[in-house]
Amino acid sequence: MKKELIVVGDRVLVEPEAGEERTHVGLYLPQTAVDSRAVQGGRVVALGPGVPVGPLETADDEPWKRLRREPRYLPMQARVGDYALFFRKASVDITFEGKNYFVVPHDAILVIVRETPDGDSP
């Protein structure tokens, strides 16, 4: 039976990169960050749907008349394939089917490096 890892909420699933002074995308990390393991980097492999947003018509006097709608979410800045540098203390490391990952709250991400073709904006 095939298993699927589903990320929920405003969390990001990151495949870690081994801690080095210079990351594969060219970011230089200070030695204190590398030694203390305060920050970690890796590739974003999955995203949750984002931050849930309430209905727009919350001032209705008769709440029983409200139609049930599909949940709406505020999208996140991170995208699958981005390189994310994040606070390690805020993340949770997991192993799924033999691979190590970090589950990172979107607000714990410090920077994102996105590769775009020349001349294209992100």
PDB file of N, CA and C in Angstrom:
ATOM      1  N   MET A   1       0.844  -1.171   0.000  1.00  0.00           N
ATOM      2  CA  MET A   1       0.000   0.000   0.000  1.00  0.00           C
ATOM      3  C   MET A   1       0.894   1.240   0.000  1.00  0.00           C
ATOM      4  N   LYS A   2       0.623   2.179  -0.881  1.00  0.00           N
ATOM      5  CA  LYS A   2       1.416   3.399  -0.993  1.00  0.00           C
ATOM      6  C   LYS A   2       0.981   4.409   0.065  1.00  0.00           C
ATOM      7  N   LYS A   3       1.968   5.038   0.708  1.00  0.00           N
ATOM      8  CA  LYS A   3       1.693   6.054   1.711  1.00  0.00           C
ATOM      9  C   LYS A   3       2.010   7.423   1.134  1.00  0.00           C
ATOM     10  N   GLU A   4       1.271   8.416   1.597  1.00  0.00           N
ATOM     11  CA  GLU A   4       1.487   9.786   1.158  1.00  0.00           C
ATOM     12  C   GLU A   4       1.659  10.664   2.396  1.00  0.00           C
ATOM     13  N   LEU A   5       2.638  11.523   2.359  1.00  0.00           N
ATOM     14  CA  LEU A   5       2.888  12.445   3.452  1.00  0.00           C
ATOM     15  C   LEU A   5       2.196  13.759   3.114  1.00  0.00           C
ATOM     16  N   ILE A   6       1.204  14.144   3.918  1.00  0.00           N
ATOM     17  CA  ILE A   6       0.421  15.350   3.653  1.00  0.00           C
ATOM     18  C   ILE A   6       0.779  16.393   4.699  1.00  0.00           C
ATOM     19  N   VAL A   7       1.200  17.545   4.235  1.00  0.00           N
ATOM     20  CA  VAL A   7       1.561  18.646   5.117  1.00  0.00           C
ATOM     21  C   VAL A   7       0.309  19.484   5.355  1.00  0.00           C
ATOM     22  N   VAL A   8       0.082  19.872   6.609  1.00  0.00           N
ATOM     23  CA  VAL A   8      -1.130  20.616   6.955  1.00  0.00           C
ATOM     24  C   VAL A   8      -0.799  22.040   7.380  1.00  0.00           C
ATOM     25  N   GLY A   9      -1.801  22.904   7.278  1.00  0.00           N
ATOM     26  CA  GLY A   9      -1.682  24.266   7.770  1.00  0.00           C
ATOM     27  C   GLY A   9      -0.622  25.075   7.056  1.00  0.00           C
ATOM     28  N   ASP A  10       0.063  25.907   7.836  1.00  0.00           N
ATOM     29  CA  ASP A  10       1.089  26.792   7.272  1.00  0.00           C
ATOM     30  C   ASP A  10       2.477  26.207   7.493  1.00  0.00           C
ATOM     31  N   ARG A  11       2.607  24.917   7.242  1.00  0.00           N
ATOM     32  CA  ARG A  11       3.885  24.239   7.439  1.00  0.00           C
ATOM     33  C   ARG A  11       4.488  23.849   6.096  1.00  0.00           C
ATOM     34  N   VAL A  12       5.804  23.699   6.126  1.00  0.00           N
ATOM     35  CA  VAL A  12       6.572  23.389   4.931  1.00  0.00           C
ATOM     36  C   VAL A  12       7.402  22.145   5.225  1.00  0.00           C
ATOM     37  N   LEU A  13       7.451  21.213   4.295  1.00  0.00           N
ATOM     38  CA  LEU A  13       8.275  20.018   4.431  1.00  0.00           C
ATOM     39  C   LEU A  13       9.574  20.261   3.666  1.00  0.00           C
ATOM     40  N   VAL A  14      10.697  20.154   4.392  1.00  0.00           N
ATOM     41  CA  VAL A  14      12.005  20.475   3.823  1.00  0.00           C
ATOM     42  C   VAL A  14      12.910  19.256   3.901  1.00  0.00           C
ATOM     43  N   GLU A  15      13.553  18.936   2.780  1.00  0.00           N
ATOM     44  CA  GLU A  15      14.570  17.895   2.756  1.00  0.00           C
ATOM     45  C   GLU A  15      15.891  18.578   3.101  1.00  0.00           C
ATOM     46  N   PRO A  16      16.523  18.190   4.219  1.00  0.00           N
ATOM     47  CA  PRO A  16      17.675  18.945   4.712  1.00  0.00           C
ATOM     48  C   PRO A  16      18.919  18.800   3.865  1.00  0.00           C
ATOM     49  N   GLU A  17      19.729  19.839   3.953  1.00  0.00           N
ATOM     50  CA  GLU A  17      21.055  19.843   3.359  1.00  0.00           C
ATOM     51  C   GLU A  17      22.043  19.707   4.506  1.00  0.00           C
ATOM     52  N   ALA A  18      23.115  18.962   4.308  1.00  0.00           N
ATOM     53  CA  ALA A  18      24.112  18.782   5.364  1.00  0.00           C
ATOM     54  C   ALA A  18      24.675  20.139   5.763  1.00  0.00           C
ATOM     55  N   GLY A  19      24.842  20.373   7.074  1.00  0.00           N
ATOM     56  CA  GLY A  19      25.338  21.645   7.575  1.00  0.00           C
ATOM     57  C   GLY A  19      26.751  21.935   7.108  1.00  0.00           C
ATOM     58  N   GLU A  20      26.897  23.001   6.361  1.00  0.00           N
ATOM     59  CA  GLU A  20      28.191  23.437   5.873  1.00  0.00           C
ATOM     60  C   GLU A  20      28.259  24.944   6.018  1.00  0.00           C
ATOM     61  N   GLU A  21      29.461  25.483   5.845  1.00  0.00           N
ATOM     62  CA  GLU A  21      29.620  26.929   5.917  1.00  0.00           C
ATOM     63  C   GLU A  21      28.970  27.595   4.711  1.00  0.00           C
ATOM     64  N   ARG A  22      29.063  26.949   3.557  1.00  0.00           N
ATOM     65  CA  ARG A  22      28.440  27.484   2.352  1.00  0.00           C
ATOM     66  C   ARG A  22      27.427  26.470   1.847  1.00  0.00           C
ATOM     67  N   THR A  23      26.224  26.929   1.589  1.00  0.00           N
ATOM     68  CA  THR A  23      25.174  26.039   1.111  1.00  0.00           C
ATOM     69  C   THR A  23      25.344  25.796  -0.383  1.00  0.00           C
ATOM     70  N   HIS A  24      24.623  24.819  -0.903  1.00  0.00           N
ATOM     71  CA  HIS A  24      24.697  24.498  -2.329  1.00  0.00           C
ATOM     72  C   HIS A  24      24.146  25.619  -3.197  1.00  0.00           C
ATOM     73  N   VAL A  25      23.319  26.491  -2.663  1.00  0.00           N
ATOM     74  CA  VAL A  25      22.777  27.594  -3.459  1.00  0.00           C
ATOM     75  C   VAL A  25      23.613  28.856  -3.332  1.00  0.00           C
ATOM     76  N   GLY A  26      24.716  28.798  -2.570  1.00  0.00           N
ATOM     77  CA  GLY A  26      25.631  29.924  -2.497  1.00  0.00           C
ATOM     78  C   GLY A  26      25.495  30.814  -1.283  1.00  0.00           C
ATOM     79  N   LEU A  27      24.635  30.481  -0.327  1.00  0.00           N
ATOM     80  CA  LEU A  27      24.531  31.274   0.893  1.00  0.00           C
ATOM     81  C   LEU A  27      25.699  30.939   1.806  1.00  0.00           C
ATOM     82  N   TYR A  28      26.328  31.955   2.371  1.00  0.00           N
ATOM     83  CA  TYR A  28      27.392  31.739   3.344  1.00  0.00           C
ATOM     84  C   TYR A  28      26.816  31.892   4.737  1.00  0.00           C
ATOM     85  N   LEU A  29      27.030  30.893   5.578  1.00  0.00           N
ATOM     86  CA  LEU A  29      26.538  30.927   6.945  1.00  0.00           C
ATOM     87  C   LEU A  29      27.702  31.208   7.886  1.00  0.00           C
ATOM     88  N   PRO A  30      27.502  32.059   8.899  1.00  0.00           N
ATOM     89  CA  PRO A  30      28.573  32.283   9.860  1.00  0.00           C
ATOM     90  C   PRO A  30      28.884  31.005  10.627  1.00  0.00           C
ATOM     91  N   GLN A  31      30.128  30.858  11.037  1.00  0.00           N
ATOM     92  CA  GLN A  31      30.540  29.644  11.725  1.00  0.00           C
ATOM     93  C   GLN A  31      29.723  29.404  12.988  1.00  0.00           C
ATOM     94  N   THR A  32      29.316  30.491  13.678  1.00  0.00           N
ATOM     95  CA  THR A  32      28.511  30.327  14.891  1.00  0.00           C
ATOM     96  C   THR A  32      27.180  29.655  14.584  1.00  0.00           C
ATOM     97  N   ALA A  33      26.581  29.982  13.436  1.00  0.00           N
ATOM     98  CA  ALA A  33      25.304  29.360  13.054  1.00  0.00           C
ATOM     99  C   ALA A  33      25.503  27.892  12.715  1.00  0.00           C
ATOM    100  N   VAL A  34      26.638  27.570  12.071  1.00  0.00           N
ATOM    101  CA  VAL A  34      26.918  26.183  11.708  1.00  0.00           C
ATOM    102  C   VAL A  34      27.220  25.358  12.958  1.00  0.00           C
ATOM    103  N   ASP A  35      28.042  25.907  13.846  1.00  0.00           N
ATOM    104  CA  ASP A  35      28.439  25.180  15.052  1.00  0.00           C
ATOM    105  C   ASP A  35      27.277  24.959  16.002  1.00  0.00           C
ATOM    106  N   SER A  36      26.464  25.986  16.205  1.00  0.00           N
ATOM    107  CA  SER A  36      25.353  25.875  17.156  1.00  0.00           C
ATOM    108  C   SER A  36      24.136  25.193  16.546  1.00  0.00           C
ATOM    109  N   ARG A  37      24.177  24.978  15.222  1.00  0.00           N
ATOM    110  CA  ARG A  37      23.060  24.394  14.497  1.00  0.00           C
ATOM    111  C   ARG A  37      21.784  25.197  14.704  1.00  0.00           C
ATOM    112  N   ALA A  38      21.950  26.528  14.786  1.00  0.00           N
ATOM    113  CA  ALA A  38      20.809  27.410  14.973  1.00  0.00           C
ATOM    114  C   ALA A  38      19.954  27.500  13.723  1.00  0.00           C
ATOM    115  N   VAL A  39      20.595  27.421  12.562  1.00  0.00           N
ATOM    116  CA  VAL A  39      19.854  27.475  11.304  1.00  0.00           C
ATOM    117  C   VAL A  39      20.144  26.224  10.499  1.00  0.00           C
ATOM    118  N   GLN A  40      19.208  25.900   9.644  1.00  0.00           N
ATOM    119  CA  GLN A  40      19.316  24.716   8.790  1.00  0.00           C
ATOM    120  C   GLN A  40      18.751  25.109   7.440  1.00  0.00           C
ATOM    121  N   GLY A  41      19.236  24.476   6.402  1.00  0.00           N
ATOM    122  CA  GLY A  41      18.726  24.745   5.070  1.00  0.00           C
ATOM    123  C   GLY A  41      18.382  23.471   4.354  1.00  0.00           C
ATOM    124  N   GLY A  42      17.570  23.607   3.326  1.00  0.00           N
ATOM    125  CA  GLY A  42      17.211  22.463   2.509  1.00  0.00           C
ATOM    126  C   GLY A  42      16.176  22.832   1.468  1.00  0.00           C
ATOM    127  N   ARG A  43      15.830  21.856   0.660  1.00  0.00           N
ATOM    128  CA  ARG A  43      14.860  22.042  -0.423  1.00  0.00           C
ATOM    129  C   ARG A  43      13.438  21.793   0.058  1.00  0.00           C
ATOM    130  N   VAL A  44      12.539  22.668  -0.341  1.00  0.00           N
ATOM    131  CA  VAL A  44      11.122  22.511  -0.032  1.00  0.00           C
ATOM    132  C   VAL A  44      10.573  21.411  -0.934  1.00  0.00           C
ATOM    133  N   VAL A  45       9.986  20.374  -0.328  1.00  0.00           N
ATOM    134  CA  VAL A  45       9.439  19.264  -1.113  1.00  0.00           C
ATOM    135  C   VAL A  45       7.911  19.195  -1.054  1.00  0.00           C
ATOM    136  N   ALA A  46       7.302  19.859  -0.070  1.00  0.00           N
ATOM    137  CA  ALA A  46       5.832  19.874   0.020  1.00  0.00           C
ATOM    138  C   ALA A  46       5.397  21.042   0.886  1.00  0.00           C
ATOM    139  N   LEU A  47       4.176  21.481   0.674  1.00  0.00           N
ATOM    140  CA  LEU A  47       3.599  22.606   1.419  1.00  0.00           C
ATOM    141  C   LEU A  47       2.218  22.251   1.931  1.00  0.00           C
ATOM    142  N   GLY A  48       1.849  22.857   3.053  1.00  0.00           N
ATOM    143  CA  GLY A  48       0.474  22.798   3.495  1.00  0.00           C
ATOM    144  C   GLY A  48      -0.334  23.802   2.692  1.00  0.00           C
ATOM    145  N   PRO A  49      -1.638  23.868   2.888  1.00  0.00           N
ATOM    146  CA  PRO A  49      -2.469  24.777   2.107  1.00  0.00           C
ATOM    147  C   PRO A  49      -2.281  26.247   2.460  1.00  0.00           C
ATOM    148  N   GLY A  50      -1.746  26.556   3.640  1.00  0.00           N
ATOM    149  CA  GLY A  50      -1.549  27.943   4.058  1.00  0.00           C
ATOM    150  C   GLY A  50      -2.312  28.242   5.332  1.00  0.00           C
ATOM    151  N   VAL A  51      -2.450  29.521   5.605  1.00  0.00           N
ATOM    152  CA  VAL A  51      -3.140  29.973   6.813  1.00  0.00           C
ATOM    153  C   VAL A  51      -4.640  30.059   6.522  1.00  0.00           C
ATOM    154  N   PRO A  52      -5.476  29.391   7.335  1.00  0.00           N
ATOM    155  CA  PRO A  52      -6.919  29.466   7.080  1.00  0.00           C
ATOM    156  C   PRO A  52      -7.444  30.881   7.291  1.00  0.00           C
ATOM    157  N   VAL A  53      -8.349  31.289   6.417  1.00  0.00           N
ATOM    158  CA  VAL A  53      -8.936  32.626   6.473  1.00  0.00           C
ATOM    159  C   VAL A  53     -10.432  32.464   6.699  1.00  0.00           C
ATOM    160  N   GLY A  54     -10.978  33.238   7.622  1.00  0.00           N
ATOM    161  CA  GLY A  54     -12.403  33.165   7.935  1.00  0.00           C
ATOM    162  C   GLY A  54     -13.264  33.740   6.824  1.00  0.00           C
ATOM    163  N   PRO A  55     -14.563  33.534   6.930  1.00  0.00           N
ATOM    164  CA  PRO A  55     -15.474  34.057   5.910  1.00  0.00           C
ATOM    165  C   PRO A  55     -15.487  35.586   5.929  1.00  0.00           C
ATOM    166  N   LEU A  56     -15.770  36.189   4.777  1.00  0.00           N
ATOM    167  CA  LEU A  56     -15.756  37.645   4.669  1.00  0.00           C
ATOM    168  C   LEU A  56     -16.961  38.289   5.359  1.00  0.00           C
ATOM    169  N   GLU A  57     -18.095  37.617   5.349  1.00  0.00           N
ATOM    170  CA  GLU A  57     -19.332  38.187   5.891  1.00  0.00           C
ATOM    171  C   GLU A  57     -19.533  37.804   7.361  1.00  0.00           C
ATOM    172  N   THR A  58     -18.601  38.131   8.233  1.00  0.00           N
ATOM    173  CA  THR A  58     -18.689  37.745   9.640  1.00  0.00           C
ATOM    174  C   THR A  58     -19.641  38.634  10.441  1.00  0.00           C
ATOM    175  N   ALA A  59     -20.128  39.736   9.858  1.00  0.00           N
ATOM    176  CA  ALA A  59     -21.015  40.645  10.584  1.00  0.00           C
ATOM    177  C   ALA A  59     -22.491  40.294  10.399  1.00  0.00           C
ATOM    178  N   ASP A  60     -22.788  39.126   9.906  1.00  0.00           N
ATOM    179  CA  ASP A  60     -24.165  38.697   9.658  1.00  0.00           C
ATOM    180  C   ASP A  60     -24.895  38.495  10.986  1.00  0.00           C
ATOM    181  N   ASP A  61     -26.104  39.034  11.109  1.00  0.00           N
ATOM    182  CA  ASP A  61     -26.894  38.910  12.335  1.00  0.00           C
ATOM    183  C   ASP A  61     -27.546  37.536  12.474  1.00  0.00           C
ATOM    184  N   GLU A  62     -27.673  36.816  11.395  1.00  0.00           N
ATOM    185  CA  GLU A  62     -28.324  35.514  11.426  1.00  0.00           C
ATOM    186  C   GLU A  62     -27.347  34.443  10.929  1.00  0.00           C
ATOM    187  N   PRO A  63     -26.472  33.968  11.824  1.00  0.00           N
ATOM    188  CA  PRO A  63     -25.415  33.051  11.387  1.00  0.00           C
ATOM    189  C   PRO A  63     -25.932  31.734  10.824  1.00  0.00           C
ATOM    190  N   TRP A  64     -27.155  31.326  11.173  1.00  0.00           N
ATOM    191  CA  TRP A  64     -27.687  30.064  10.653  1.00  0.00           C
ATOM    192  C   TRP A  64     -28.008  30.156   9.164  1.00  0.00           C
ATOM    193  N   LYS A  65     -28.100  31.373   8.632  1.00  0.00           N
ATOM    194  CA  LYS A  65     -28.383  31.557   7.218  1.00  0.00           C
ATOM    195  C   LYS A  65     -27.119  31.489   6.358  1.00  0.00           C
ATOM    196  N   ARG A  66     -25.975  31.510   6.980  1.00  0.00           N
ATOM    197  CA  ARG A  66     -24.731  31.475   6.215  1.00  0.00           C
ATOM    198  C   ARG A  66     -24.596  30.153   5.472  1.00  0.00           C
ATOM    199  N   LEU A  67     -24.151  30.261   4.271  1.00  0.00           N
ATOM    200  CA  LEU A  67     -23.898  29.055   3.475  1.00  0.00           C
ATOM    201  C   LEU A  67     -22.548  28.474   3.887  1.00  0.00           C
ATOM    202  N   ARG A  68     -22.489  27.185   3.923  1.00  0.00           N
ATOM    203  CA  ARG A  68     -21.203  26.540   4.195  1.00  0.00           C
ATOM    204  C   ARG A  68     -20.384  26.556   2.916  1.00  0.00           C
ATOM    205  N   ARG A  69     -19.177  27.078   3.048  1.00  0.00           N
ATOM    206  CA  ARG A  69     -18.297  27.177   1.899  1.00  0.00           C
ATOM    207  C   ARG A  69     -17.035  26.396   2.154  1.00  0.00           C
ATOM    208  N   GLU A  70     -16.342  26.104   1.081  1.00  0.00           N
ATOM    209  CA  GLU A  70     -15.051  25.444   1.192  1.00  0.00           C
ATOM    210  C   GLU A  70     -14.093  26.366   1.952  1.00  0.00           C
ATOM    211  N   PRO A  71     -13.205  25.791   2.727  1.00  0.00           N
ATOM    212  CA  PRO A  71     -12.252  26.633   3.451  1.00  0.00           C
ATOM    213  C   PRO A  71     -11.363  27.415   2.488  1.00  0.00           C
ATOM    214  N   ARG A  72     -11.000  28.613   2.905  1.00  0.00           N
ATOM    215  CA  ARG A  72     -10.102  29.453   2.123  1.00  0.00           C
ATOM    216  C   ARG A  72      -8.791  29.580   2.882  1.00  0.00           C
ATOM    217  N   TYR A  73      -7.696  29.706   2.143  1.00  0.00           N
ATOM    218  CA  TYR A  73      -6.380  29.787   2.751  1.00  0.00           C
ATOM    219  C   TYR A  73      -5.579  30.931   2.155  1.00  0.00           C
ATOM    220  N   LEU A  74      -4.800  31.582   3.004  1.00  0.00           N
ATOM    221  CA  LEU A  74      -3.850  32.588   2.562  1.00  0.00           C
ATOM    222  C   LEU A  74      -2.600  31.834   2.116  1.00  0.00           C
ATOM    223  N   PRO A  75      -2.219  31.942   0.854  1.00  0.00           N
ATOM    224  CA  PRO A  75      -1.090  31.144   0.366  1.00  0.00           C
ATOM    225  C   PRO A  75       0.235  31.579   1.001  1.00  0.00           C
ATOM    226  N   MET A  76       1.210  30.681   0.925  1.00  0.00           N
ATOM    227  CA  MET A  76       2.523  30.940   1.495  1.00  0.00           C
ATOM    228  C   MET A  76       3.492  31.410   0.411  1.00  0.00           C
ATOM    229  N   GLN A  77       4.579  32.044   0.850  1.00  0.00           N
ATOM    230  CA  GLN A  77       5.592  32.501  -0.097  1.00  0.00           C
ATOM    231  C   GLN A  77       6.423  31.353  -0.642  1.00  0.00           C
ATOM    232  N   ALA A  78       6.694  30.360   0.171  1.00  0.00           N
ATOM    233  CA  ALA A  78       7.535  29.239  -0.256  1.00  0.00           C
ATOM    234  C   ALA A  78       6.827  28.437  -1.333  1.00  0.00           C
ATOM    235  N   ARG A  79       7.625  27.853  -2.230  1.00  0.00           N
ATOM    236  CA  ARG A  79       7.111  26.978  -3.274  1.00  0.00           C
ATOM    237  C   ARG A  79       7.948  25.699  -3.295  1.00  0.00           C
ATOM    238  N   VAL A  80       7.374  24.646  -3.812  1.00  0.00           N
ATOM    239  CA  VAL A  80       8.119  23.396  -3.964  1.00  0.00           C
ATOM    240  C   VAL A  80       9.313  23.666  -4.875  1.00  0.00           C
ATOM    241  N   GLY A  81      10.485  23.196  -4.456  1.00  0.00           N
ATOM    242  CA  GLY A  81      11.711  23.404  -5.222  1.00  0.00           C
ATOM    243  C   GLY A  81      12.563  24.544  -4.710  1.00  0.00           C
ATOM    244  N   ASP A  82      11.993  25.434  -3.896  1.00  0.00           N
ATOM    245  CA  ASP A  82      12.768  26.531  -3.312  1.00  0.00           C
ATOM    246  C   ASP A  82      13.781  25.988  -2.319  1.00  0.00           C
ATOM    247  N   TYR A  83      14.839  26.755  -2.098  1.00  0.00           N
ATOM    248  CA  TYR A  83      15.778  26.460  -1.014  1.00  0.00           C
ATOM    249  C   TYR A  83      15.361  27.347   0.150  1.00  0.00           C
ATOM    250  N   ALA A  84      15.146  26.759   1.328  1.00  0.00           N
ATOM    251  CA  ALA A  84      14.705  27.513   2.502  1.00  0.00           C
ATOM    252  C   ALA A  84      15.757  27.426   3.599  1.00  0.00           C
ATOM    253  N   LEU A  85      16.062  28.559   4.200  1.00  0.00           N
ATOM    254  CA  LEU A  85      16.931  28.623   5.375  1.00  0.00           C
ATOM    255  C   LEU A  85      16.019  28.964   6.540  1.00  0.00           C
ATOM    256  N   PHE A  86      16.036  28.149   7.612  1.00  0.00           N
ATOM    257  CA  PHE A  86      15.062  28.298   8.681  1.00  0.00           C
ATOM    258  C   PHE A  86      15.697  28.083  10.043  1.00  0.00           C
ATOM    259  N   PHE A  87      14.994  28.545  11.087  1.00  0.00           N
ATOM    260  CA  PHE A  87      15.413  28.310  12.462  1.00  0.00           C
ATOM    261  C   PHE A  87      15.198  26.843  12.795  1.00  0.00           C
ATOM    262  N   ARG A  88      16.257  26.165  13.143  1.00  0.00           N
ATOM    263  CA  ARG A  88      16.181  24.736  13.425  1.00  0.00           C
ATOM    264  C   ARG A  88      15.339  24.443  14.674  1.00  0.00           C
ATOM    265  N   LYS A  89      15.425  25.316  15.695  1.00  0.00           N
ATOM    266  CA  LYS A  89      14.673  25.078  16.938  1.00  0.00           C
ATOM    267  C   LYS A  89      13.173  25.071  16.717  1.00  0.00           C
ATOM    268  N   ALA A  90      12.707  25.782  15.711  1.00  0.00           N
ATOM    269  CA  ALA A  90      11.270  25.865  15.455  1.00  0.00           C
ATOM    270  C   ALA A  90      10.754  24.672  14.652  1.00  0.00           C
ATOM    271  N   SER A  91      11.660  23.877  14.105  1.00  0.00           N
ATOM    272  CA  SER A  91      11.248  22.772  13.237  1.00  0.00           C
ATOM    273  C   SER A  91      11.194  21.454  13.997  1.00  0.00           C
ATOM    274  N   VAL A  92      10.573  20.487  13.370  1.00  0.00           N
ATOM    275  CA  VAL A  92      10.491  19.127  13.907  1.00  0.00           C
ATOM    276  C   VAL A  92      11.110  18.214  12.856  1.00  0.00           C
ATOM    277  N   ASP A  93      12.106  17.404  13.263  1.00  0.00           N
ATOM    278  CA  ASP A  93      12.689  16.480  12.295  1.00  0.00           C
ATOM    279  C   ASP A  93      11.965  15.149  12.353  1.00  0.00           C
ATOM    280  N   ILE A  94      11.680  14.619  11.167  1.00  0.00           N
ATOM    281  CA  ILE A  94      10.954  13.359  11.052  1.00  0.00           C
ATOM    282  C   ILE A  94      11.673  12.463  10.047  1.00  0.00           C
ATOM    283  N   THR A  95      11.372  11.185  10.099  1.00  0.00           N
ATOM    284  CA  THR A  95      11.837  10.240   9.099  1.00  0.00           C
ATOM    285  C   THR A  95      10.607   9.571   8.507  1.00  0.00           C
ATOM    286  N   PHE A  96      10.507   9.607   7.199  1.00  0.00           N
ATOM    287  CA  PHE A  96       9.375   9.008   6.500  1.00  0.00           C
ATOM    288  C   PHE A  96       9.923   8.136   5.383  1.00  0.00           C
ATOM    289  N   GLU A  97       9.622   6.851   5.446  1.00  0.00           N
ATOM    290  CA  GLU A  97      10.074   5.871   4.475  1.00  0.00           C
ATOM    291  C   GLU A  97      11.581   5.969   4.229  1.00  0.00           C
ATOM    292  N   GLY A  98      12.333   6.079   5.336  1.00  0.00           N
ATOM    293  CA  GLY A  98      13.789   6.057   5.274  1.00  0.00           C
ATOM    294  C   GLY A  98      14.470   7.360   4.930  1.00  0.00           C
ATOM    295  N   LYS A  99      13.719   8.435   4.695  1.00  0.00           N
ATOM    296  CA  LYS A  99      14.308   9.736   4.371  1.00  0.00           C
ATOM    297  C   LYS A  99      14.039  10.724   5.505  1.00  0.00           C
ATOM    298  N   ASN A 100      15.029  11.577   5.766  1.00  0.00           N
ATOM    299  CA  ASN A 100      14.896  12.585   6.818  1.00  0.00           C
ATOM    300  C   ASN A 100      14.330  13.880   6.241  1.00  0.00           C
ATOM    301  N   TYR A 101      13.440  14.487   7.020  1.00  0.00           N
ATOM    302  CA  TYR A 101      12.815  15.750   6.640  1.00  0.00           C
ATOM    303  C   TYR A 101      12.685  16.630   7.874  1.00  0.00           C
ATOM    304  N   PHE A 102      12.437  17.913   7.620  1.00  0.00           N
ATOM    305  CA  PHE A 102      12.048  18.843   8.666  1.00  0.00           C
ATOM    306  C   PHE A 102      10.661  19.373   8.338  1.00  0.00           C
ATOM    307  N   VAL A 103       9.795  19.432   9.348  1.00  0.00           N
ATOM    308  CA  VAL A 103       8.510  20.100   9.214  1.00  0.00           C
ATOM    309  C   VAL A 103       8.705  21.469   9.850  1.00  0.00           C
ATOM    310  N   VAL A 104       8.566  22.510   9.030  1.00  0.00           N
ATOM    311  CA  VAL A 104       8.927  23.860   9.445  1.00  0.00           C
ATOM    312  C   VAL A 104       7.705  24.769   9.363  1.00  0.00           C
ATOM    313  N   PRO A 105       7.376  25.492  10.445  1.00  0.00           N
ATOM    314  CA  PRO A 105       6.328  26.506  10.331  1.00  0.00           C
ATOM    315  C   PRO A 105       6.795  27.589   9.348  1.00  0.00           C
ATOM    316  N   HIS A 106       5.894  28.055   8.532  1.00  0.00           N
ATOM    317  CA  HIS A 106       6.273  29.043   7.513  1.00  0.00           C
ATOM    318  C   HIS A 106       6.933  30.272   8.132  1.00  0.00           C
ATOM    319  N   ASP A 107       6.493  30.683   9.319  1.00  0.00           N
ATOM    320  CA  ASP A 107       7.080  31.881   9.927  1.00  0.00           C
ATOM    321  C   ASP A 107       8.473  31.643  10.511  1.00  0.00           C
ATOM    322  N   ALA A 108       8.970  30.401  10.516  1.00  0.00           N
ATOM    323  CA  ALA A 108      10.331  30.114  10.972  1.00  0.00           C
ATOM    324  C   ALA A 108      11.340  30.166   9.827  1.00  0.00           C
ATOM    325  N   ILE A 109      10.862  30.363   8.608  1.00  0.00           N
ATOM    326  CA  ILE A 109      11.762  30.458   7.454  1.00  0.00           C
ATOM    327  C   ILE A 109      12.336  31.871   7.412  1.00  0.00           C
ATOM    328  N   LEU A 110      13.666  31.937   7.318  1.00  0.00           N
ATOM    329  CA  LEU A 110      14.354  33.227   7.288  1.00  0.00           C
ATOM    330  C   LEU A 110      14.454  33.786   5.879  1.00  0.00           C
ATOM    331  N   VAL A 111      14.917  32.964   4.939  1.00  0.00           N
ATOM    332  CA  VAL A 111      15.038  33.379   3.547  1.00  0.00           C
ATOM    333  C   VAL A 111      14.695  32.207   2.642  1.00  0.00           C
ATOM    334  N   ILE A 112      14.323  32.566   1.429  1.00  0.00           N
ATOM    335  CA  ILE A 112      14.036  31.580   0.395  1.00  0.00           C
ATOM    336  C   ILE A 112      14.874  31.942  -0.814  1.00  0.00           C
ATOM    337  N   VAL A 113      15.507  30.948  -1.406  1.00  0.00           N
ATOM    338  CA  VAL A 113      16.232  31.147  -2.660  1.00  0.00           C
ATOM    339  C   VAL A 113      15.455  30.398  -3.731  1.00  0.00           C
ATOM    340  N   ARG A 114      15.037  31.151  -4.736  1.00  0.00           N
ATOM    341  CA  ARG A 114      14.251  30.565  -5.823  1.00  0.00           C
ATOM    342  C   ARG A 114      15.023  30.757  -7.119  1.00  0.00           C
ATOM    343  N   GLU A 115      15.246  29.675  -7.810  1.00  0.00           N
ATOM    344  CA  GLU A 115      15.947  29.738  -9.083  1.00  0.00           C
ATOM    345  C   GLU A 115      14.936  30.017 -10.193  1.00  0.00           C
ATOM    346  N   THR A 116      15.205  31.070 -10.973  1.00  0.00           N
ATOM    347  CA  THR A 116      14.325  31.419 -12.076  1.00  0.00           C
ATOM    348  C   THR A 116      15.164  31.531 -13.347  1.00  0.00           C
ATOM    349  N   PRO A 117      14.571  31.256 -14.491  1.00  0.00           N
ATOM    350  CA  PRO A 117      15.300  31.439 -15.744  1.00  0.00           C
ATOM    351  C   PRO A 117      15.726  32.894 -15.904  1.00  0.00           C
ATOM    352  N   ASP A 118      16.808  33.142 -16.587  1.00  0.00           N
ATOM    353  CA  ASP A 118      17.294  34.512 -16.785  1.00  0.00           C
ATOM    354  C   ASP A 118      16.205  35.400 -17.352  1.00  0.00           C
ATOM    355  N   GLY A 119      16.070  36.569 -16.748  1.00  0.00           N
ATOM    356  CA  GLY A 119      15.104  37.535 -17.227  1.00  0.00           C
ATOM    357  C   GLY A 119      13.712  37.380 -16.665  1.00  0.00           C
ATOM    358  N   ASP A 120      13.418  36.272 -16.011  1.00  0.00           N
ATOM    359  CA  ASP A 120      12.090  36.072 -15.429  1.00  0.00           C
ATOM    360  C   ASP A 120      12.100  36.525 -13.990  1.00  0.00           C
ATOM    361  N   SER A 121      11.012  37.127 -13.553  1.00  0.00           N
ATOM    362  CA  SER A 121      10.893  37.505 -12.152  1.00  0.00           C
ATOM    363  C   SER A 121      10.149  36.408 -11.417  1.00  0.00           C
ATOM    364  N   PRO A 122      10.394  36.248 -10.115  1.00  0.00           N
ATOM    365  CA  PRO A 122       9.735  35.187  -9.341  1.00  0.00           C
ATOM    366  C   PRO A 122       8.258  35.352  -9.227  1.00  0.00           C
TER     367      PRO A 122
END
